Amino acid sequence: RALAGVLGGYPSLPGSCIIHYEKKTQKMPKLNLNLKSAGYHSTFLYGGDIGFAHMKSFLVMSEFDRIVDDHDFPRTISRSNWGVPDQYLFEKLLETSDQSQRPFFSVLLTLSSHTPFDVPMEPVFDESVSLSEYKNSIYYTDYYLGEFISEARTRDWWDETLIVLMADHGCRIGGIKAHEQKRFNIPMVWTGGALEVNDTIIDKYGSQTDFPATILNQLKLSDEEFIFSNDLLSKSSNSFAYFTHNDGMGFVTDSSVSIYNTATNSHHERNGGGSEETEDLALVYLQWLLNDFNKK
């Protein structure tokens, strides 16, 4: 679902995802195709099974020039349940970046901070078992991300490179319910040598689907195909986020939140000023999305 959002600007449906339907996937926009037409060379890196959850078909349709998966790493590397630990993936990203023609667009999907949080390092945190394992896995991936950035700063491509960090989903550690808004709060951080403005916080509500429009507008490329994508850096764009769980969806604005259960046709939560209007916007948005999905 996150890949469809980040790389296709396409929202998820309650309990479903467009990339599970290959004929529909063919008709959705794909960020890499826009970048490819602008001369970018692309690589997708993942340390696990690239065929999982229809990922490979989506990436092939997106015409990535190179796809790296667990088969591209020595068998001597000890795997976790999901695949090759993140430290080796960041090493591979540095290697492919050094070798890539410019400009290049690389996407790396980490896996070590995913349950069961199996990482090759001595524990740093010592709390309840589940919480400490989760924190240790985050520490591990964050450490090797930092190592990658430190090395990248020494490369001649650093000054022209933007690095965007974004989670694919949240975590339910701590008893958070599946529909709770805070489960869907994820970070997006922009860094790298290409930044002209530093130490800035964008407080507008947005989601993964907003990445294509935001980045394409920065590159002065058309985002016309991405009808569900919102430019987060535009002063004229609205502040809102739509999110889904298996039995429903949520809609958040600056003043309200509405979380709806489509199975029971009832609200989990409806708070804030203008919440009735937000409820209508949420249902309208879902209907608009369903209409587009069904036409594909």
Protein backbone atom coordinates (compact mmCIF):
# COMPACT_ATOMS: atom_id res chain seq x y z
CA ARG A 1 0.00 0.00 0.00
CA ALA A 2 2.81 2.38 0.84
CA LEU A 3 4.58 1.70 -2.45
CA ALA A 4 1.40 2.57 -4.35
CA GLY A 5 1.15 5.77 -2.29
CA VAL A 6 4.77 6.92 -2.37
CA LEU A 7 5.64 5.86 -5.92
CA GLY A 8 2.20 6.05 -7.52
CA GLY A 9 0.40 8.75 -5.56
CA TYR A 10 -2.48 6.30 -5.21
CA PRO A 11 -4.38 5.90 -1.92
CA SER A 12 -5.16 2.52 -0.39
CA LEU A 13 -8.65 1.11 -0.03
CA PRO A 14 -9.98 -0.37 3.21
CA GLY A 15 -8.61 -3.91 3.26
CA SER A 16 -7.12 -3.72 -0.23
CA CYS A 17 -4.40 -2.24 -2.43
CA ILE A 18 -4.32 -1.41 -6.12
CA ILE A 19 -1.00 -3.16 -6.83
CA HIS A 20 -2.70 -6.48 -6.04
CA TYR A 21 -4.60 -5.96 -9.31
CA GLU A 22 -2.05 -5.94 -12.10
CA LYS A 23 -4.44 -4.78 -14.86
CA LYS A 24 -5.40 -1.80 -12.72
CA THR A 25 -1.78 -1.15 -11.78
CA GLN A 26 -0.95 -0.75 -15.46
CA LYS A 27 -3.32 2.23 -15.64
CA MET A 28 -2.13 4.10 -12.56
CA PRO A 29 0.56 6.80 -12.67
CA LYS A 30 4.09 5.91 -11.62
CA LEU A 31 6.60 8.45 -10.37
CA ASN A 32 9.59 6.69 -11.88
CA LEU A 33 8.13 6.97 -15.38
CA ASN A 34 7.96 10.76 -14.99
CA LEU A 35 11.54 10.88 -13.73
CA LYS A 36 12.70 8.48 -16.42
CA SER A 37 11.31 10.75 -19.12
CA ALA A 38 13.34 13.56 -17.54
CA GLY A 39 16.56 11.53 -17.86
CA TYR A 40 16.81 9.90 -14.44
CA HIS A 41 18.36 6.45 -14.02
CA SER A 42 16.66 4.37 -11.34
CA THR A 43 17.34 1.63 -8.81
CA PHE A 44 15.04 -0.06 -6.29
CA LEU A 45 16.68 -1.86 -3.37
CA TYR A 46 15.12 -4.34 -0.95
CA GLY A 47 16.85 -7.01 1.12
CA GLY A 48 14.01 -9.52 0.96
CA ASP A 49 11.77 -11.31 -1.52
CA ILE A 50 10.97 -8.77 -4.24
CA GLY A 51 8.01 -10.86 -5.34
CA PHE A 52 6.24 -10.35 -2.01
CA ALA A 53 2.77 -8.76 -2.26
CA HIS A 54 3.06 -8.04 -6.00
CA MET A 55 5.96 -5.62 -5.47
CA LYS A 56 7.99 -6.90 -8.41
CA SER A 57 5.20 -6.50 -10.97
CA PHE A 58 4.64 -2.91 -9.82
CA LEU A 59 8.36 -2.11 -10.03
CA VAL A 60 8.69 -3.71 -13.47
CA MET A 61 5.71 -1.68 -14.72
CA SER A 62 7.41 1.39 -13.23
CA GLU A 63 10.44 0.57 -15.43
CA PHE A 64 13.13 0.72 -12.75
CA ASP A 65 16.46 0.24 -14.50
CA ARG A 66 17.76 -2.02 -11.75
CA ILE A 67 16.02 -3.99 -9.00
CA VAL A 68 18.15 -5.27 -6.11
CA ASP A 69 16.80 -7.99 -3.82
CA ASP A 70 18.07 -10.73 -1.50
CA HIS A 71 19.60 -12.65 -4.43
CA ASP A 72 22.10 -9.83 -4.95
CA PHE A 73 23.77 -10.42 -1.58
CA PRO A 74 26.23 -13.20 -0.61
CA ARG A 75 24.63 -16.29 0.90
CA THR A 76 27.16 -16.01 3.74
CA ILE A 77 25.21 -13.04 5.14
CA SER A 78 22.90 -14.23 7.88
CA ARG A 79 19.29 -13.42 7.03
CA SER A 80 16.45 -12.44 9.34
CA ASN A 81 12.90 -13.69 8.79
CA TRP A 82 12.39 -10.95 6.21
CA GLY A 83 15.78 -11.00 4.52
CA VAL A 84 19.18 -9.27 4.49
CA PRO A 85 19.70 -6.88 7.45
CA ASP A 86 19.59 -3.18 6.64
CA GLN A 87 23.29 -2.47 7.15
CA TYR A 88 24.14 -4.43 3.99
CA LEU A 89 21.34 -2.73 2.10
CA PHE A 90 22.74 0.73 2.90
CA GLU A 91 26.18 -0.45 1.79
CA LYS A 92 24.64 -1.57 -1.50
CA LEU A 93 22.88 1.81 -1.88
CA LEU A 94 26.21 3.60 -1.50
CA GLU A 95 27.77 1.28 -4.07
CA THR A 96 24.97 1.69 -6.63
CA SER A 97 24.93 5.47 -6.11
CA ASP A 98 28.64 5.63 -6.89
CA GLN A 99 28.08 3.57 -10.05
CA SER A 100 24.86 5.20 -11.29
CA GLN A 101 24.63 7.51 -14.25
CA ARG A 102 23.39 10.95 -13.24
CA PRO A 103 20.86 12.11 -12.44
CA PHE A 104 19.69 9.06 -10.51
CA PHE A 105 16.62 8.10 -8.51
CA SER A 106 17.09 5.36 -5.92
CA VAL A 107 14.46 3.85 -3.63
CA LEU A 108 15.45 1.74 -0.64
CA LEU A 109 12.90 -0.22 1.39
CA THR A 110 14.26 -1.25 4.79
CA LEU A 111 13.09 -4.36 6.64
CA SER A 112 15.02 -4.74 9.92
CA SER A 113 12.63 -2.56 11.94
CA HIS A 114 9.71 -4.80 10.97
CA THR A 115 8.33 -7.39 13.37
CA PRO A 116 9.84 -9.72 14.67
CA PHE A 117 12.58 -7.03 15.03
CA ASP A 118 15.43 -9.49 14.51
CA VAL A 119 18.65 -7.45 14.15
CA PRO A 120 22.35 -8.45 14.36
CA MET A 121 23.40 -6.21 17.25
CA GLU A 122 23.72 -6.25 21.01
CA PRO A 123 20.60 -4.80 22.72
CA VAL A 124 20.76 -1.10 23.59
CA PHE A 125 17.36 -0.81 25.30
CA ASP A 126 16.19 -2.99 28.18
CA GLU A 127 12.46 -2.61 28.83
CA SER A 128 9.48 -4.89 28.27
CA VAL A 129 10.43 -7.52 25.71
CA SER A 130 8.28 -6.29 22.83
CA LEU A 131 9.09 -2.60 23.36
CA SER A 132 12.84 -3.14 23.75
CA GLU A 133 13.03 -5.34 20.64
CA TYR A 134 11.18 -2.69 18.66
CA LYS A 135 13.41 0.15 19.92
CA ASN A 136 16.56 -1.88 19.28
CA SER A 137 15.50 -2.55 15.68
CA ILE A 138 14.86 1.17 15.13
CA TYR A 139 18.22 2.02 16.68
CA TYR A 140 19.94 -0.52 14.41
CA THR A 141 18.42 0.80 11.16
CA ASP A 142 18.91 4.42 12.25
CA TYR A 143 22.57 3.77 13.02
CA TYR A 144 23.32 2.38 9.58
CA LEU A 145 21.27 5.11 7.93
CA GLY A 146 23.55 7.55 9.72
CA GLU A 147 26.61 5.66 8.51
CA PHE A 148 25.31 5.86 4.95
CA ILE A 149 24.70 9.61 5.18
CA SER A 150 28.16 10.18 6.68
CA GLU A 151 29.74 8.31 3.76
CA ALA A 152 27.45 9.98 1.21
CA ARG A 153 28.61 13.40 2.38
CA THR A 154 32.11 12.53 1.10
CA ARG A 155 30.89 11.73 -2.43
CA ASP A 156 30.93 14.14 -5.36
CA TRP A 157 27.21 13.52 -5.97
CA TRP A 158 26.18 14.67 -2.46
CA ASP A 159 25.73 18.37 -3.30
CA GLU A 160 23.15 17.52 -5.97
CA THR A 161 21.33 14.84 -3.99
CA LEU A 162 18.08 14.99 -2.05
CA ILE A 163 17.41 12.26 0.50
CA VAL A 164 13.83 11.72 1.63
CA LEU A 165 13.09 9.51 4.65
CA MET A 166 9.56 8.20 4.97
CA ALA A 167 7.92 5.33 6.86
CA ASP A 168 5.81 2.82 4.95
CA HIS A 169 3.54 2.29 7.96
CA GLY A 170 3.31 2.79 11.70
CA CYS A 171 3.56 0.25 14.50
CA ARG A 172 0.99 -1.13 16.97
CA ILE A 173 3.48 -1.67 19.80
CA GLY A 174 1.94 -0.54 23.09
CA GLY A 175 -1.63 -1.72 22.53
CA ILE A 176 -2.63 0.88 19.92
CA LYS A 177 -5.84 -0.09 18.18
CA ALA A 178 -5.83 -0.68 14.41
CA HIS A 179 -7.93 2.39 13.64
CA GLU A 180 -6.31 4.95 15.99
CA GLN A 181 -4.97 8.07 14.31
CA LYS A 182 -1.63 7.97 16.13
CA ARG A 183 -0.93 4.58 14.56
CA PHE A 184 -0.80 6.37 11.21
CA ASN A 185 1.43 9.27 12.25
CA ILE A 186 4.68 8.75 10.35
CA PRO A 187 7.67 11.01 9.71
CA MET A 188 8.89 12.46 6.44
CA VAL A 189 12.31 14.09 6.55
CA TRP A 190 14.10 15.84 3.68
CA THR A 191 17.87 16.15 3.88
CA GLY A 192 20.90 16.04 1.61
CA GLY A 193 23.25 18.44 -0.11
CA ALA A 194 20.65 19.68 -2.60
CA LEU A 195 18.56 21.50 0.02
CA GLU A 196 18.48 25.27 -0.28
CA VAL A 197 16.45 25.74 2.94
CA ASN A 198 17.33 23.95 6.18
CA ASP A 199 15.79 23.49 9.64
CA THR A 200 12.25 24.04 8.41
CA ILE A 201 9.09 22.28 9.63
CA ILE A 202 6.09 21.91 7.31
CA ASP A 203 3.08 21.57 9.59
CA LYS A 204 0.52 20.87 6.87
CA TYR A 205 -1.35 17.55 7.06
CA GLY A 206 -0.42 15.19 4.24
CA SER A 207 0.19 11.55 3.41
CA GLN A 208 2.40 9.26 1.36
CA THR A 209 0.29 9.93 -1.72
CA ASP A 210 1.43 13.57 -1.64
CA PHE A 211 5.07 12.74 -2.32
CA PRO A 212 4.87 12.53 -6.15
CA ALA A 213 3.25 15.94 -6.64
CA THR A 214 5.54 17.55 -4.06
CA ILE A 215 8.77 16.25 -5.59
CA LEU A 216 7.71 16.72 -9.22
CA ASN A 217 6.81 20.37 -8.62
CA GLN A 218 10.20 20.94 -7.03
CA LEU A 219 11.77 19.56 -10.22
CA LYS A 220 9.41 21.64 -12.38
CA LEU A 221 7.93 18.49 -13.91
CA SER A 222 4.24 17.84 -14.55
CA ASP A 223 2.19 16.16 -11.81
CA GLU A 224 -1.03 16.20 -13.85
CA GLU A 225 -1.50 12.41 -13.77
CA PHE A 226 -1.36 12.22 -9.98
CA ILE A 227 -4.92 13.30 -9.23
CA PHE A 228 -4.78 12.12 -5.60
CA SER A 229 -1.44 13.81 -4.86
CA ASN A 230 -1.18 17.16 -3.07
CA ASP A 231 1.88 19.45 -3.19
CA LEU A 232 2.78 19.84 0.48
CA LEU A 233 5.05 22.80 -0.24
CA SER A 234 2.43 24.80 -2.11
CA LYS A 235 0.78 27.64 -0.20
CA SER A 236 -2.46 27.00 -2.09
CA SER A 237 -2.83 23.28 -1.34
CA ASN A 238 -5.26 22.09 1.34
CA SER A 239 -4.13 20.53 4.61
CA PHE A 240 -5.64 17.07 4.97
CA ALA A 241 -4.77 13.39 5.14
CA TYR A 242 -6.76 10.29 4.26
CA PHE A 243 -5.76 6.91 5.70
CA THR A 244 -7.20 3.41 5.81
CA HIS A 245 -7.35 0.36 8.03
CA ASN A 246 -8.80 -3.04 7.13
CA ASP A 247 -12.35 -2.13 8.18
CA GLY A 248 -12.52 1.52 7.30
CA MET A 249 -10.78 4.82 6.84
CA GLY A 250 -9.94 8.12 8.45
CA PHE A 251 -9.81 11.73 7.34
CA VAL A 252 -7.86 14.43 9.17
CA THR A 253 -7.83 18.19 8.67
CA ASP A 254 -6.32 21.04 10.68
CA SER A 255 -9.42 21.21 12.86
CA SER A 256 -10.97 17.76 12.93
CA VAL A 257 -10.64 14.00 12.62
CA SER A 258 -13.19 11.46 11.44
CA ILE A 259 -12.48 7.72 11.61
CA TYR A 260 -15.16 5.59 10.01
CA ASN A 261 -15.88 1.84 10.06
CA THR A 262 -17.18 0.80 6.65
CA ALA A 263 -18.15 -2.67 7.92
CA THR A 264 -20.55 -1.34 10.59
CA ASN A 265 -21.32 2.06 9.00
CA SER A 266 -20.42 3.79 12.23
CA HIS A 267 -17.72 6.06 13.62
CA HIS A 268 -14.77 4.99 15.72
CA GLU A 269 -14.06 8.66 16.33
CA ARG A 270 -15.39 12.05 15.29
CA ASN A 271 -13.78 15.04 16.94
CA GLY A 272 -12.98 18.68 16.36
CA GLY A 273 -14.56 21.69 14.74
CA GLY A 274 -16.40 21.01 11.52
CA SER A 275 -16.37 17.23 12.12
CA GLU A 276 -19.71 16.68 10.37
CA GLU A 277 -18.34 18.37 7.28
CA THR A 278 -15.19 16.25 7.60
CA GLU A 279 -17.32 13.11 7.75
CA ASP A 280 -18.92 14.11 4.45
CA LEU A 281 -15.52 14.89 2.91
CA ALA A 282 -14.21 11.51 4.06
CA LEU A 283 -17.07 9.60 2.47
CA VAL A 284 -16.92 11.72 -0.69
CA TYR A 285 -13.17 11.10 -0.95
CA LEU A 286 -13.66 7.34 -0.55
CA GLN A 287 -16.43 7.34 -3.17
CA TRP A 288 -14.26 9.32 -5.59
CA LEU A 289 -11.42 6.86 -5.02
CA LEU A 290 -13.69 3.84 -5.51
CA ASN A 291 -15.06 5.30 -8.75
CA ASP A 292 -11.53 5.77 -10.08
CA PHE A 293 -10.47 2.31 -8.89
CA ASN A 294 -13.43 0.61 -10.54
CA LYS A 295 -12.81 2.40 -13.85
CA LYS A 296 -9.23 1.14 -14.05
